[in-house]
């Protein structure tokens, strides 16, 4: 990505970046524009990386059970094994891509995971990131909060 800042006056309600941004794939990795990466903060090294076709702009949520959840710009919620990075689950298609944070809560003894979908701006620009992903332009989506219930750890 090339980033060239410039002065622009902020206008409320309008997209605001204050820069010219040119995104491009790294030579040799044209099919991968992003990854969710786990770091060992003590050792200062990468533990694993889970490649994605688009940048990962959502937040990640790790659970005490060893799961990591995150959303993708191609409208999926994913669960990985926190130790290995192995993909354990992928949601059905969501209403839109995910740039928000994943949340979890308990209700009546069941654990739920939810995420707000809906992208715009650079993530939905058909001449920018969409062109790099070779994705068909999509109409911007209104935000939709999608919820999934986790399976009972004890099993059926």
C-alpha atoms as a PDB file:
ATOM      1  CA  UNK A   1       0.000   0.000   0.000  1.00  0.00           C
ATOM      2  CA  UNK A   2       1.238   3.458  -0.871  1.00  0.00           C
ATOM      3  CA  UNK A   3      -0.010   6.247   1.388  1.00  0.00           C
ATOM      4  CA  UNK A   4       0.442   9.933   0.550  1.00  0.00           C
ATOM      5  CA  UNK A   5      -1.097  12.321   3.105  1.00  0.00           C
ATOM      6  CA  UNK A   6      -2.478  15.698   2.119  1.00  0.00           C
ATOM      7  CA  UNK A   7      -4.459  18.458   3.812  1.00  0.00           C
ATOM      8  CA  UNK A   8      -8.233  18.291   3.551  1.00  0.00           C
ATOM      9  CA  UNK A   9     -10.850  19.992   5.654  1.00  0.00           C
ATOM     10  CA  UNK A  10     -13.094  17.589   7.518  1.00  0.00           C
ATOM     11  CA  UNK A  11     -16.794  17.667   6.574  1.00  0.00           C
ATOM     12  CA  UNK A  12     -19.139  15.945   9.013  1.00  0.00           C
ATOM     13  CA  UNK A  13     -20.887  12.923   7.535  1.00  0.00           C
ATOM     14  CA  UNK A  14     -18.439  12.522   4.650  1.00  0.00           C
ATOM     15  CA  UNK A  15     -15.685   9.917   4.245  1.00  0.00           C
ATOM     16  CA  UNK A  16     -12.412  11.316   5.547  1.00  0.00           C
ATOM     17  CA  UNK A  17      -8.986   9.852   4.934  1.00  0.00           C
ATOM     18  CA  UNK A  18      -6.768  12.853   4.236  1.00  0.00           C
ATOM     19  CA  UNK A  19      -4.546  10.827   1.951  1.00  0.00           C
ATOM     20  CA  UNK A  20      -4.234   9.236  -1.428  1.00  0.00           C
ATOM     21  CA  UNK A  21      -4.120   5.489  -0.897  1.00  0.00           C
ATOM     22  CA  UNK A  22      -2.995   3.047  -3.539  1.00  0.00           C
ATOM     23  CA  UNK A  23      -3.312  -0.610  -2.604  1.00  0.00           C
ATOM     24  CA  UNK A  24      -1.479  -3.311  -4.482  1.00  0.00           C
ATOM     25  CA  UNK A  25      -0.660  -6.951  -3.943  1.00  0.00           C
ATOM     26  CA  UNK A  26       2.807  -8.003  -2.884  1.00  0.00           C
ATOM     27  CA  UNK A  27       4.586  -9.694  -5.814  1.00  0.00           C
ATOM     28  CA  UNK A  28       4.145 -13.440  -5.485  1.00  0.00           C
ATOM     29  CA  UNK A  29       1.131 -13.081  -3.172  1.00  0.00           C
ATOM     30  CA  UNK A  30      -1.416 -11.681  -5.622  1.00  0.00           C
ATOM     31  CA  UNK A  31      -4.168 -13.913  -4.192  1.00  0.00           C
ATOM     32  CA  UNK A  32      -3.509 -12.823  -0.605  1.00  0.00           C
ATOM     33  CA  UNK A  33      -3.985  -9.228   0.484  1.00  0.00           C
ATOM     34  CA  UNK A  34      -4.243  -9.938   4.185  1.00  0.00           C
ATOM     35  CA  UNK A  35      -3.868 -12.357   7.053  1.00  0.00           C
ATOM     36  CA  UNK A  36      -4.865 -12.778  10.654  1.00  0.00           C
ATOM     37  CA  UNK A  37      -1.562 -13.148  12.503  1.00  0.00           C
ATOM     38  CA  UNK A  38      -0.895 -14.468  16.004  1.00  0.00           C
ATOM     39  CA  UNK A  39       2.187 -13.057  17.723  1.00  0.00           C
ATOM     40  CA  UNK A  40       4.188 -14.245  20.701  1.00  0.00           C
ATOM     41  CA  UNK A  41       4.658 -10.883  22.396  1.00  0.00           C
ATOM     42  CA  UNK A  42       7.364 -12.167  24.747  1.00  0.00           C
ATOM     43  CA  UNK A  43       9.507 -13.803  22.062  1.00  0.00           C
ATOM     44  CA  UNK A  44       8.657 -11.124  19.481  1.00  0.00           C
ATOM     45  CA  UNK A  45       7.859 -13.629  16.756  1.00  0.00           C
ATOM     46  CA  UNK A  46       4.968 -14.682  14.603  1.00  0.00           C
ATOM     47  CA  UNK A  47       3.333 -17.903  15.809  1.00  0.00           C
ATOM     48  CA  UNK A  48       1.002 -18.461  12.850  1.00  0.00           C
ATOM     49  CA  UNK A  49      -0.753 -16.628  10.051  1.00  0.00           C
ATOM     50  CA  UNK A  50      -4.097 -17.414   8.449  1.00  0.00           C
ATOM     51  CA  UNK A  51      -4.074 -15.911   4.913  1.00  0.00           C
ATOM     52  CA  UNK A  52      -7.045 -13.999   3.511  1.00  0.00           C
ATOM     53  CA  UNK A  53      -7.866 -12.713   0.030  1.00  0.00           C
ATOM     54  CA  UNK A  54      -8.540  -9.240   1.505  1.00  0.00           C
ATOM     55  CA  UNK A  55      -7.071  -7.255   4.391  1.00  0.00           C
ATOM     56  CA  UNK A  56      -8.457  -8.206   7.795  1.00  0.00           C
ATOM     57  CA  UNK A  57     -10.080  -5.025   9.075  1.00  0.00           C
ATOM     58  CA  UNK A  58     -12.261  -6.538  11.775  1.00  0.00           C
ATOM     59  CA  UNK A  59     -11.296  -6.968  15.365  1.00  0.00           C
ATOM     60  CA  UNK A  60     -10.386 -10.405  16.666  1.00  0.00           C
ATOM     61  CA  UNK A  61     -11.854 -12.044  19.752  1.00  0.00           C
ATOM     62  CA  UNK A  62     -10.070 -14.837  21.611  1.00  0.00           C
ATOM     63  CA  UNK A  63     -11.930 -17.017  24.097  1.00  0.00           C
ATOM     64  CA  UNK A  64     -10.876 -18.971  27.184  1.00  0.00           C
ATOM     65  CA  UNK A  65     -11.762 -22.126  25.225  1.00  0.00           C
ATOM     66  CA  UNK A  66      -8.911 -21.436  22.755  1.00  0.00           C
ATOM     67  CA  UNK A  67     -10.920 -20.023  19.855  1.00  0.00           C
ATOM     68  CA  UNK A  68     -10.206 -16.881  17.838  1.00  0.00           C
ATOM     69  CA  UNK A  69     -13.103 -15.264  15.956  1.00  0.00           C
ATOM     70  CA  UNK A  70     -12.776 -12.562  13.285  1.00  0.00           C
ATOM     71  CA  UNK A  71     -14.697 -11.241  10.301  1.00  0.00           C
ATOM     72  CA  UNK A  72     -13.652 -10.891   6.683  1.00  0.00           C
ATOM     73  CA  UNK A  73     -14.358  -8.314   3.991  1.00  0.00           C
ATOM     74  CA  UNK A  74     -15.894 -11.077   1.881  1.00  0.00           C
ATOM     75  CA  UNK A  75     -18.712 -11.396   4.439  1.00  0.00           C
ATOM     76  CA  UNK A  76     -17.734 -14.328   6.640  1.00  0.00           C
ATOM     77  CA  UNK A  77     -17.165 -14.862  10.342  1.00  0.00           C
ATOM     78  CA  UNK A  78     -14.405 -17.375  11.045  1.00  0.00           C
ATOM     79  CA  UNK A  79     -13.252 -19.371  14.060  1.00  0.00           C
ATOM     80  CA  UNK A  80      -9.633 -20.533  14.338  1.00  0.00           C
ATOM     81  CA  UNK A  81      -7.748 -22.642  16.841  1.00  0.00           C
ATOM     82  CA  UNK A  82      -5.845 -20.073  18.935  1.00  0.00           C
ATOM     83  CA  UNK A  83      -2.743 -22.284  19.255  1.00  0.00           C
ATOM     84  CA  UNK A  84      -2.371 -23.449  15.654  1.00  0.00           C
ATOM     85  CA  UNK A  85      -4.361 -21.009  13.510  1.00  0.00           C
ATOM     86  CA  UNK A  86      -6.242 -23.927  11.948  1.00  0.00           C
ATOM     87  CA  UNK A  87      -9.615 -22.900  10.559  1.00  0.00           C
ATOM     88  CA  UNK A  88     -12.350 -24.619  12.562  1.00  0.00           C
ATOM     89  CA  UNK A  89     -15.530 -22.955  11.269  1.00  0.00           C
ATOM     90  CA  UNK A  90     -16.695 -20.487   8.620  1.00  0.00           C
ATOM     91  CA  UNK A  91     -20.108 -18.848   8.754  1.00  0.00           C
ATOM     92  CA  UNK A  92     -22.577 -18.880   5.930  1.00  0.00           C
ATOM     93  CA  UNK A  93     -22.447 -15.659   3.863  1.00  0.00           C
ATOM     94  CA  UNK A  94     -23.243 -12.606   5.992  1.00  0.00           C
ATOM     95  CA  UNK A  95     -25.219  -9.587   4.722  1.00  0.00           C
ATOM     96  CA  UNK A  96     -21.983  -7.660   4.128  1.00  0.00           C
ATOM     97  CA  UNK A  97     -18.289  -7.640   4.932  1.00  0.00           C
ATOM     98  CA  UNK A  98     -17.046  -7.186   8.485  1.00  0.00           C
ATOM     99  CA  UNK A  99     -14.950  -4.298   9.770  1.00  0.00           C
ATOM    100  CA  UNK A 100     -16.380  -4.288  13.306  1.00  0.00           C
ATOM    101  CA  UNK A 101     -15.372  -6.121  16.442  1.00  0.00           C
ATOM    102  CA  UNK A 102     -16.603  -9.579  17.342  1.00  0.00           C
ATOM    103  CA  UNK A 103     -18.357  -9.837  20.716  1.00  0.00           C
ATOM    104  CA  UNK A 104     -19.462 -12.720  22.908  1.00  0.00           C
ATOM    105  CA  UNK A 105     -21.860 -13.114  25.829  1.00  0.00           C
ATOM    106  CA  UNK A 106     -23.634 -15.739  27.906  1.00  0.00           C
ATOM    107  CA  UNK A 107     -27.417 -15.985  28.162  1.00  0.00           C
ATOM    108  CA  UNK A 108     -29.280 -18.717  30.040  1.00  0.00           C
ATOM    109  CA  UNK A 109     -26.220 -20.958  30.038  1.00  0.00           C
ATOM    110  CA  UNK A 110     -25.440 -20.634  26.311  1.00  0.00           C
ATOM    111  CA  UNK A 111     -22.574 -18.700  24.754  1.00  0.00           C
ATOM    112  CA  UNK A 112     -23.248 -16.446  21.776  1.00  0.00           C
ATOM    113  CA  UNK A 113     -20.940 -14.723  19.299  1.00  0.00           C
ATOM    114  CA  UNK A 114     -22.062 -11.689  17.341  1.00  0.00           C
ATOM    115  CA  UNK A 115     -20.671  -9.205  14.856  1.00  0.00           C
ATOM    116  CA  UNK A 116     -21.923  -6.072  13.128  1.00  0.00           C
ATOM    117  CA  UNK A 117     -21.657  -6.382   9.357  1.00  0.00           C
ATOM    118  CA  UNK A 118     -21.587  -3.518   6.880  1.00  0.00           C
ATOM    119  CA  UNK A 119     -18.721  -1.973   4.974  1.00  0.00           C
ATOM    120  CA  UNK A 120     -18.247   1.181   2.973  1.00  0.00           C
ATOM    121  CA  UNK A 121     -15.462   3.524   2.030  1.00  0.00           C
ATOM    122  CA  UNK A 122     -12.202   1.902   0.985  1.00  0.00           C
ATOM    123  CA  UNK A 123     -13.464  -1.602   1.782  1.00  0.00           C
ATOM    124  CA  UNK A 124     -16.292  -1.274  -0.756  1.00  0.00           C
ATOM    125  CA  UNK A 125     -14.536   0.810  -3.424  1.00  0.00           C
ATOM    126  CA  UNK A 126     -14.807  -1.092  -6.745  1.00  0.00           C
ATOM    127  CA  UNK A 127     -11.777   0.800  -8.102  1.00  0.00           C
ATOM    128  CA  UNK A 128      -9.697   0.211  -4.983  1.00  0.00           C
ATOM    129  CA  UNK A 129      -9.731  -2.850  -2.788  1.00  0.00           C
ATOM    130  CA  UNK A 130     -12.563  -4.467  -4.751  1.00  0.00           C
ATOM    131  CA  UNK A 131     -10.511  -4.265  -7.943  1.00  0.00           C
ATOM    132  CA  UNK A 132      -7.517  -5.866  -6.221  1.00  0.00           C
ATOM    133  CA  UNK A 133      -9.704  -8.686  -4.906  1.00  0.00           C
ATOM    134  CA  UNK A 134     -11.245  -9.041  -8.363  1.00  0.00           C
ATOM    135  CA  UNK A 135     -14.569  -8.811  -6.582  1.00  0.00           C
ATOM    136  CA  UNK A 136     -17.821  -7.798  -8.191  1.00  0.00           C
ATOM    137  CA  UNK A 137     -18.985  -4.409  -6.907  1.00  0.00           C
ATOM    138  CA  UNK A 138     -21.627  -4.705  -4.203  1.00  0.00           C
ATOM    139  CA  UNK A 139     -24.230  -2.259  -3.092  1.00  0.00           C
ATOM    140  CA  UNK A 140     -23.345  -0.814   0.303  1.00  0.00           C
ATOM    141  CA  UNK A 141     -25.193  -2.665   3.042  1.00  0.00           C
ATOM    142  CA  UNK A 142     -26.881  -1.240   6.068  1.00  0.00           C
ATOM    143  CA  UNK A 143     -25.353  -2.543   9.254  1.00  0.00           C
ATOM    144  CA  UNK A 144     -26.786  -5.849  10.416  1.00  0.00           C
ATOM    145  CA  UNK A 145     -25.893  -7.477  13.740  1.00  0.00           C
ATOM    146  CA  UNK A 146     -25.536 -11.227  13.176  1.00  0.00           C
ATOM    147  CA  UNK A 147     -25.557 -13.689  16.085  1.00  0.00           C
ATOM    148  CA  UNK A 148     -24.488 -17.319  16.341  1.00  0.00           C
ATOM    149  CA  UNK A 149     -24.908 -19.659  19.308  1.00  0.00           C
ATOM    150  CA  UNK A 150     -21.913 -21.827  20.158  1.00  0.00           C
ATOM    151  CA  UNK A 151     -22.425 -25.558  20.613  1.00  0.00           C
ATOM    152  CA  UNK A 152     -22.712 -26.825  24.170  1.00  0.00           C
ATOM    153  CA  UNK A 153     -19.218 -27.830  25.320  1.00  0.00           C
ATOM    154  CA  UNK A 154     -20.656 -30.959  26.994  1.00  0.00           C
ATOM    155  CA  UNK A 155     -22.127 -32.098  23.667  1.00  0.00           C
ATOM    156  CA  UNK A 156     -25.530 -33.723  23.072  1.00  0.00           C
END
